Amino acid sequence: MRIHGFQFLCNLGLVISSLLLGTLLVAGLVELVGGNAGTALLALGQGMVGSQQAIVEIIVQATPLALCALAFLLPFRAGFFNIGAQGHLQLGALAAVFIATSIALPVWLLIPLALLASALAGAVLIVPAYWLKVRRGASEVVTTVMLDFVALEFTYAMITGPLQAPDAFFAQSNLIPEQYRLPVFGVHIGVHLAIAIIVLASWVLRRTVFGFRLEALGGNPKAAEALGMHIGPTLLKAVLIAGAIGGIAGGIQVMGVIFQVAEGWAKDWGFLGILVALMGRTPIGAIFAALLLAGLEVGGRHMQALTGLPSSLVYLLQAVPVLILLVLSATRSFRKFSTPTASR
């Protein structure tokens, strides 16, 4: 327990240090372009925590980031680099829209059915990458990235073809009927579902045999196989769960926030989820990292609106702290105490 506590403090210290250093660097850039760093940082803080609406928006924006981070973390524990969360999210959203706009069912039945379809769509997309890795030795980094583009083009084909809204000029689906949208209790229930999924995943990774097998498989596959562990089924479960989580992220976002799939509807949540995973390092840590990135984005937009600073500074606010965090994490002194394998 002491080791885990010290590990948590090290990770927390890394994140805080990276955020402070990154903020100072961006403040310097603000002064360099002729702005007032104090005014800009004050506007940033007000945009992040200055109103209830801002806090709700941050929580909603953090939800797909945290789920996409989990879609990376789970197979990563087993040595599988899933870069395909963006594709899972696209197909998951498309599946949810198809169910919600094509089938008439009671609300209590259709919403779970749509989210289940999202999970299945996301899981199906990752199967080719798993098969190519296990059977042909292909790099999952390459195959999952390519499958992102497959999912994107397939989604575009659907919303310009059979799923396009009849009266739409642009590429977009029908709107999800109001009765099939996720109920709101402060925030939409997709946020509560995402938290439940992440907490459950954290428990599975730390307290179950399956979590131990993932750690063993990622740490030393040959040793795990020599001990009688079935590598193929364990890895398959991990990647299917990851794909399903990515699909659910898309389903939640389209049923709780956007309500349709259109060209360019999704931000780069899948790719940003990798950064969230690297910052958070654990499922629970990913929640806080996602809130941080979402807060910087929401606060950065507020800062830009009030000060007129270039929009590129908003992206720097997200990128610079992450870059500093990765640099600090790469040093031996931090890596010794902060990585899970070193604590064993």
Protein backbone atom coordinates (compact mmCIF):
# COMPACT_ATOMS: atom_id res chain seq x y z
CA MET A 1 0.00 0.00 0.00
CA ARG A 2 2.88 2.37 0.82
CA ILE A 3 4.51 1.67 -2.55
CA HIS A 4 1.26 2.35 -4.40
CA GLY A 5 0.76 5.54 -2.37
CA PHE A 6 4.27 6.74 -3.16
CA GLN A 7 3.73 5.85 -6.80
CA PHE A 8 0.52 7.89 -6.84
CA LEU A 9 2.27 10.90 -5.27
CA CYS A 10 5.08 10.67 -7.83
CA ASN A 11 2.59 10.60 -10.71
CA LEU A 12 0.61 13.47 -9.19
CA GLY A 13 3.78 15.49 -8.74
CA LEU A 14 4.74 14.86 -12.35
CA VAL A 15 1.38 16.07 -13.64
CA ILE A 16 1.35 19.19 -11.45
CA SER A 17 4.94 20.05 -12.34
CA SER A 18 4.24 19.58 -16.03
CA LEU A 19 1.12 21.74 -15.84
CA LEU A 20 2.95 24.55 -14.03
CA LEU A 21 5.94 24.51 -16.36
CA GLY A 22 3.70 24.32 -19.42
CA THR A 23 1.58 27.21 -18.18
CA LEU A 24 4.68 29.33 -17.60
CA LEU A 25 5.95 28.61 -21.10
CA VAL A 26 2.59 29.48 -22.66
CA ALA A 27 2.47 32.64 -20.53
CA GLY A 28 5.83 33.59 -21.98
CA LEU A 29 4.48 33.04 -25.49
CA VAL A 30 1.48 35.24 -24.66
CA GLU A 31 3.83 38.07 -23.74
CA LEU A 32 5.86 37.37 -26.88
CA VAL A 33 2.85 37.89 -29.16
CA GLY A 34 1.94 41.14 -27.42
CA GLY A 35 -0.65 39.93 -24.92
CA ASN A 36 -0.89 40.22 -21.16
CA ALA A 37 0.00 36.93 -19.49
CA GLY A 38 -1.78 37.77 -16.22
CA THR A 39 -5.01 38.68 -17.98
CA ALA A 40 -4.80 35.58 -20.18
CA LEU A 41 -4.24 33.21 -17.25
CA LEU A 42 -7.06 34.83 -15.29
CA ALA A 43 -9.38 34.36 -18.27
CA LEU A 44 -8.20 30.75 -18.53
CA GLY A 45 -9.06 30.09 -14.89
CA GLN A 46 -12.45 31.76 -15.19
CA GLY A 47 -13.21 29.69 -18.28
CA MET A 48 -12.39 26.49 -16.41
CA VAL A 49 -14.12 26.98 -13.07
CA GLY A 50 -15.88 30.33 -13.34
CA SER A 51 -19.38 28.95 -13.86
CA GLN A 52 -21.45 25.82 -13.46
CA GLN A 53 -21.94 25.67 -17.21
CA ALA A 54 -18.17 25.58 -17.76
CA ILE A 55 -17.73 22.77 -15.24
CA VAL A 56 -20.50 20.71 -16.84
CA GLU A 57 -18.98 21.27 -20.27
CA ILE A 58 -15.58 20.13 -19.02
CA ILE A 59 -17.08 16.95 -17.56
CA VAL A 60 -18.96 16.21 -20.78
CA GLN A 61 -15.87 16.87 -22.93
CA ALA A 62 -13.72 14.71 -20.66
CA THR A 63 -16.02 11.68 -20.98
CA PRO A 64 -14.97 10.48 -24.46
CA LEU A 65 -11.34 11.29 -23.64
CA ALA A 66 -11.36 9.08 -20.55
CA LEU A 67 -13.09 6.19 -22.34
CA CYS A 68 -10.71 6.38 -25.31
CA ALA A 69 -7.81 6.41 -22.85
CA LEU A 70 -9.19 3.23 -21.30
CA ALA A 71 -9.49 1.69 -24.78
CA PHE A 72 -5.74 2.26 -25.08
CA LEU A 73 -4.76 1.27 -21.54
CA LEU A 74 -6.42 -2.15 -21.37
CA PRO A 75 -4.66 -3.79 -24.34
CA PHE A 76 -1.50 -1.79 -23.59
CA ARG A 77 -1.20 -3.72 -20.33
CA ALA A 78 -0.99 -6.86 -22.47
CA GLY A 79 1.57 -5.36 -24.87
CA PHE A 80 -0.94 -4.44 -27.61
CA PHE A 81 -0.76 -0.82 -28.80
CA ASN A 82 -4.29 0.09 -29.81
CA ILE A 83 -4.19 3.34 -31.79
CA GLY A 84 -7.67 2.71 -33.17
CA ALA A 85 -9.95 4.32 -30.59
CA GLN A 86 -10.93 7.04 -33.06
CA GLY A 87 -12.24 4.38 -35.43
CA HIS A 88 -14.08 2.53 -32.65
CA LEU A 89 -15.70 5.81 -31.67
CA GLN A 90 -16.80 6.55 -35.25
CA LEU A 91 -18.40 3.16 -35.81
CA GLY A 92 -19.92 3.13 -32.33
CA ALA A 93 -21.62 6.45 -32.98
CA LEU A 94 -22.83 5.29 -36.39
CA ALA A 95 -24.31 2.10 -34.91
CA ALA A 96 -26.11 4.06 -32.18
CA VAL A 97 -27.59 6.50 -34.72
CA PHE A 98 -28.73 3.62 -36.92
CA ILE A 99 -30.56 1.92 -34.05
CA ALA A 100 -32.05 5.14 -32.65
CA THR A 101 -33.32 6.41 -36.01
CA SER A 102 -34.44 3.12 -37.57
CA ILE A 103 -36.21 1.22 -34.80
CA ALA A 104 -39.20 2.20 -32.69
CA LEU A 105 -38.97 0.66 -29.21
CA PRO A 106 -39.67 1.75 -25.64
CA VAL A 107 -37.03 4.13 -24.35
CA TRP A 108 -35.89 1.78 -21.59
CA LEU A 109 -35.14 -0.85 -24.23
CA LEU A 110 -33.81 1.21 -27.14
CA ILE A 111 -31.14 3.19 -25.29
CA PRO A 112 -29.37 0.06 -23.93
CA LEU A 113 -29.78 -1.60 -27.34
CA ALA A 114 -28.17 1.37 -29.11
CA LEU A 115 -25.24 1.40 -26.68
CA LEU A 116 -24.85 -2.35 -27.07
CA ALA A 117 -24.72 -1.89 -30.84
CA SER A 118 -22.04 0.76 -30.31
CA ALA A 119 -19.97 -1.67 -28.26
CA LEU A 120 -20.33 -4.44 -30.86
CA ALA A 121 -19.36 -2.11 -33.70
CA GLY A 122 -16.24 -0.98 -31.87
CA ALA A 123 -15.27 -4.54 -30.98
CA VAL A 124 -15.70 -5.79 -34.55
CA LEU A 125 -13.34 -3.13 -35.91
CA ILE A 126 -10.39 -4.28 -33.81
CA VAL A 127 -10.65 -7.95 -34.80
CA PRO A 128 -8.63 -7.59 -38.07
CA ALA A 129 -5.77 -5.92 -36.18
CA TYR A 130 -5.73 -8.73 -33.62
CA TRP A 131 -5.80 -11.43 -36.29
CA LEU A 132 -3.01 -9.81 -38.32
CA LYS A 133 -0.82 -9.50 -35.22
CA VAL A 134 -1.36 -13.04 -33.98
CA ARG A 135 -1.36 -14.84 -37.33
CA ARG A 136 0.92 -12.70 -39.48
CA GLY A 137 3.00 -10.75 -36.98
CA ALA A 138 1.81 -7.41 -38.37
CA SER A 139 2.35 -4.34 -36.21
CA GLU A 140 -0.87 -3.39 -34.48
CA VAL A 141 0.24 0.25 -34.50
CA VAL A 142 0.04 0.27 -38.29
CA THR A 143 -3.11 -1.83 -38.62
CA THR A 144 -5.14 0.00 -35.98
CA VAL A 145 -4.23 3.37 -37.50
CA MET A 146 -5.25 2.14 -40.94
CA LEU A 147 -8.51 0.84 -39.52
CA ASP A 148 -9.19 4.35 -38.21
CA PHE A 149 -9.28 5.54 -41.82
CA VAL A 150 -11.42 2.57 -42.83
CA ALA A 151 -13.95 3.48 -40.13
CA LEU A 152 -13.88 7.15 -41.13
CA GLU A 153 -14.51 6.42 -44.81
CA PHE A 154 -17.18 3.84 -44.03
CA THR A 155 -18.96 6.35 -41.80
CA TYR A 156 -18.80 8.98 -44.55
CA ALA A 157 -20.18 6.48 -47.07
CA MET A 158 -23.11 5.72 -44.78
CA ILE A 159 -24.03 9.34 -44.06
CA THR A 160 -23.88 10.20 -47.75
CA GLY A 161 -25.80 7.06 -48.66
CA PRO A 162 -28.37 4.93 -46.80
CA LEU A 163 -28.16 6.84 -43.50
CA GLN A 164 -28.19 10.36 -44.92
CA ALA A 165 -31.04 12.57 -43.76
CA PRO A 166 -33.57 12.90 -46.61
CA ASP A 167 -33.63 16.70 -46.56
CA ALA A 168 -29.91 17.17 -45.91
CA PHE A 169 -27.61 18.87 -48.39
CA PHE A 170 -24.45 17.95 -46.48
CA ALA A 171 -23.22 14.57 -45.27
CA GLN A 172 -25.23 13.97 -42.10
CA SER A 173 -27.59 11.46 -40.57
CA ASN A 174 -31.05 12.02 -39.18
CA LEU A 175 -31.26 13.54 -35.73
CA ILE A 176 -31.85 11.10 -32.91
CA PRO A 177 -35.44 11.61 -31.66
CA GLU A 178 -35.64 13.47 -28.38
CA GLN A 179 -37.19 10.55 -26.52
CA TYR A 180 -34.16 8.39 -27.36
CA ARG A 181 -31.54 10.87 -26.18
CA LEU A 182 -29.71 10.16 -22.95
CA PRO A 183 -31.55 11.56 -19.90
CA VAL A 184 -29.88 14.44 -18.09
CA PHE A 185 -29.37 14.54 -14.33
CA GLY A 186 -26.98 17.45 -13.96
CA VAL A 187 -25.03 15.80 -16.77
CA HIS A 188 -26.31 13.15 -19.17
CA ILE A 189 -26.29 9.59 -17.85
CA GLY A 190 -23.54 8.65 -20.28
CA VAL A 191 -21.12 10.38 -17.92
CA HIS A 192 -22.28 8.16 -15.04
CA LEU A 193 -21.98 5.09 -17.27
CA ALA A 194 -18.44 6.08 -18.28
CA ILE A 195 -17.40 6.50 -14.64
CA ALA A 196 -18.86 3.08 -13.80
CA ILE A 197 -16.97 1.46 -16.69
CA ILE A 198 -13.69 3.07 -15.66
CA VAL A 199 -14.06 2.14 -11.99
CA LEU A 200 -14.93 -1.44 -12.96
CA ALA A 201 -11.91 -1.61 -15.27
CA SER A 202 -9.66 -0.34 -12.50
CA TRP A 203 -10.94 -3.05 -10.17
CA VAL A 204 -10.50 -5.75 -12.81
CA LEU A 205 -6.91 -4.72 -13.55
CA ARG A 206 -5.85 -4.62 -9.90
CA ARG A 207 -7.98 -7.27 -8.21
CA THR A 208 -8.70 -10.10 -10.64
CA VAL A 209 -6.85 -12.97 -12.29
CA PHE A 210 -7.59 -11.48 -15.69
CA GLY A 211 -5.80 -8.27 -14.69
CA PHE A 212 -2.81 -10.26 -13.47
CA ARG A 213 -2.71 -12.17 -16.75
CA LEU A 214 -2.68 -8.92 -18.71
CA GLU A 215 0.26 -7.67 -16.63
CA ALA A 216 2.13 -10.95 -17.13
CA LEU A 217 1.44 -10.99 -20.85
CA GLY A 218 2.61 -7.42 -21.28
CA GLY A 219 5.67 -7.88 -19.08
CA ASN A 220 7.05 -11.11 -20.54
CA PRO A 221 4.92 -13.04 -23.07
CA LYS A 222 7.34 -15.96 -23.34
CA ALA A 223 7.45 -16.46 -19.58
CA ALA A 224 3.66 -16.23 -19.41
CA GLU A 225 3.33 -18.88 -22.09
CA ALA A 226 5.88 -21.11 -20.36
CA LEU A 227 3.75 -20.93 -17.21
CA GLY A 228 0.78 -22.30 -19.13
CA MET A 229 -1.05 -19.06 -19.75
CA HIS A 230 -3.20 -19.01 -22.90
CA ILE A 231 -1.87 -15.89 -24.60
CA GLY A 232 -4.28 -15.80 -27.56
CA PRO A 233 -7.58 -15.86 -25.62
CA THR A 234 -6.30 -13.41 -22.99
CA LEU A 235 -5.17 -10.90 -25.61
CA LEU A 236 -8.38 -11.38 -27.60
CA LYS A 237 -10.51 -10.56 -24.56
CA ALA A 238 -8.45 -7.45 -23.89
CA VAL A 239 -8.70 -6.07 -27.42
CA LEU A 240 -12.40 -6.86 -27.75
CA ILE A 241 -13.16 -5.08 -24.48
CA ALA A 242 -11.05 -2.13 -25.60
CA GLY A 243 -12.86 -1.92 -28.92
CA ALA A 244 -16.23 -2.12 -27.16
CA ILE A 245 -15.27 0.69 -24.78
CA GLY A 246 -14.21 2.88 -27.70
CA GLY A 247 -17.51 2.15 -29.43
CA ILE A 248 -19.47 3.03 -26.30
CA ALA A 249 -17.60 6.35 -26.18
CA GLY A 250 -18.99 7.16 -29.62
CA GLY A 251 -22.47 5.98 -28.69
CA ILE A 252 -22.53 8.09 -25.54
CA GLN A 253 -21.30 11.17 -27.36
CA VAL A 254 -23.82 10.93 -30.17
CA MET A 255 -26.77 10.05 -27.94
CA GLY A 256 -25.97 12.50 -25.17
CA VAL A 257 -24.36 15.52 -26.84
CA ILE A 258 -24.41 15.75 -30.64
CA PHE A 259 -27.47 13.63 -31.58
CA GLN A 260 -26.36 12.87 -35.16
CA VAL A 261 -23.34 11.80 -37.17
CA ALA A 262 -22.14 14.34 -39.70
CA GLU A 263 -18.96 14.99 -41.62
CA GLY A 264 -16.33 16.17 -39.15
CA TRP A 265 -18.62 15.62 -36.16
CA ALA A 266 -15.96 14.02 -33.97
CA LYS A 267 -12.94 15.72 -32.45
CA ASP A 268 -9.71 13.77 -32.18
CA TRP A 269 -10.87 12.11 -28.97
CA GLY A 270 -9.32 8.78 -29.91
CA PHE A 271 -5.85 10.19 -30.45
CA LEU A 272 -6.07 12.57 -27.50
CA GLY A 273 -7.12 9.56 -25.44
CA ILE A 274 -3.61 8.16 -25.92
CA LEU A 275 -2.17 11.31 -24.35
CA VAL A 276 -4.69 11.01 -21.51
CA ALA A 277 -3.63 7.41 -20.97
CA LEU A 278 0.05 8.37 -20.88
CA MET A 279 -0.68 11.12 -18.38
CA GLY A 280 -3.07 9.17 -16.17
CA ARG A 281 -1.30 5.77 -16.43
CA THR A 282 -4.23 4.04 -14.71
CA PRO A 283 -7.99 4.03 -15.42
CA ILE A 284 -8.69 6.29 -12.43
CA GLY A 285 -5.77 8.52 -13.31
CA ALA A 286 -7.18 8.83 -16.82
CA ILE A 287 -10.31 10.50 -15.40
CA PHE A 288 -8.26 13.30 -13.87
CA ALA A 289 -6.03 13.64 -16.93
CA ALA A 290 -9.11 13.85 -19.16
CA LEU A 291 -10.63 16.53 -16.92
CA LEU A 292 -7.36 18.46 -17.13
CA LEU A 293 -7.17 18.37 -20.93
CA ALA A 294 -10.86 19.17 -21.29
CA GLY A 295 -10.50 22.01 -18.80
CA LEU A 296 -7.58 23.47 -20.71
CA GLU A 297 -9.58 23.31 -23.93
CA VAL A 298 -12.72 24.92 -22.48
CA GLY A 299 -10.73 27.51 -20.54
CA GLY A 300 -8.54 28.17 -23.57
CA ARG A 301 -11.54 29.00 -25.72
CA HIS A 302 -12.75 31.42 -23.05
CA MET A 303 -9.29 32.96 -22.87
CA GLN A 304 -9.19 33.42 -26.63
CA ALA A 305 -12.67 35.01 -26.69
CA LEU A 306 -11.80 37.54 -23.98
CA THR A 307 -8.24 38.40 -25.01
CA GLY A 308 -8.23 37.89 -28.77
CA LEU A 309 -5.10 35.73 -28.60
CA PRO A 310 -4.33 33.31 -31.46
CA SER A 311 -6.27 30.05 -31.38
CA SER A 312 -3.00 28.11 -31.68
CA LEU A 313 -2.24 29.03 -28.06
CA VAL A 314 -5.25 26.95 -27.02
CA TYR A 315 -3.65 23.87 -28.56
CA LEU A 316 -0.29 24.75 -27.00
CA LEU A 317 -1.99 24.82 -23.61
CA GLN A 318 -2.82 21.15 -24.12
CA ALA A 319 0.31 20.03 -25.91
CA VAL A 320 3.10 21.67 -23.91
CA PRO A 321 2.22 20.20 -20.47
CA VAL A 322 1.88 16.74 -22.03
CA LEU A 323 5.25 17.07 -23.77
CA ILE A 324 6.91 18.17 -20.53
CA LEU A 325 5.25 15.28 -18.68
CA LEU A 326 6.60 12.76 -21.18
CA VAL A 327 10.08 14.23 -20.91
CA LEU A 328 10.02 14.11 -17.13
CA SER A 329 8.58 10.58 -17.14
CA ALA A 330 11.43 9.39 -19.35
CA THR A 331 14.08 10.18 -16.74
CA ARG A 332 15.41 7.27 -14.74
CA SER A 333 14.74 8.78 -11.35
CA PHE A 334 11.02 9.11 -11.99
CA ARG A 335 10.62 5.95 -14.02
CA LYS A 336 12.05 3.90 -11.17
CA PHE A 337 9.22 4.80 -8.80
CA SER A 338 6.31 5.69 -11.05
CA THR A 339 5.93 2.68 -13.36
CA PRO A 340 3.73 -0.21 -12.18
CA THR A 341 6.33 -2.91 -12.97
CA ALA A 342 9.00 -1.19 -10.89
CA SER A 343 6.87 -1.35 -7.77
CA ARG A 344 6.73 -5.10 -7.80
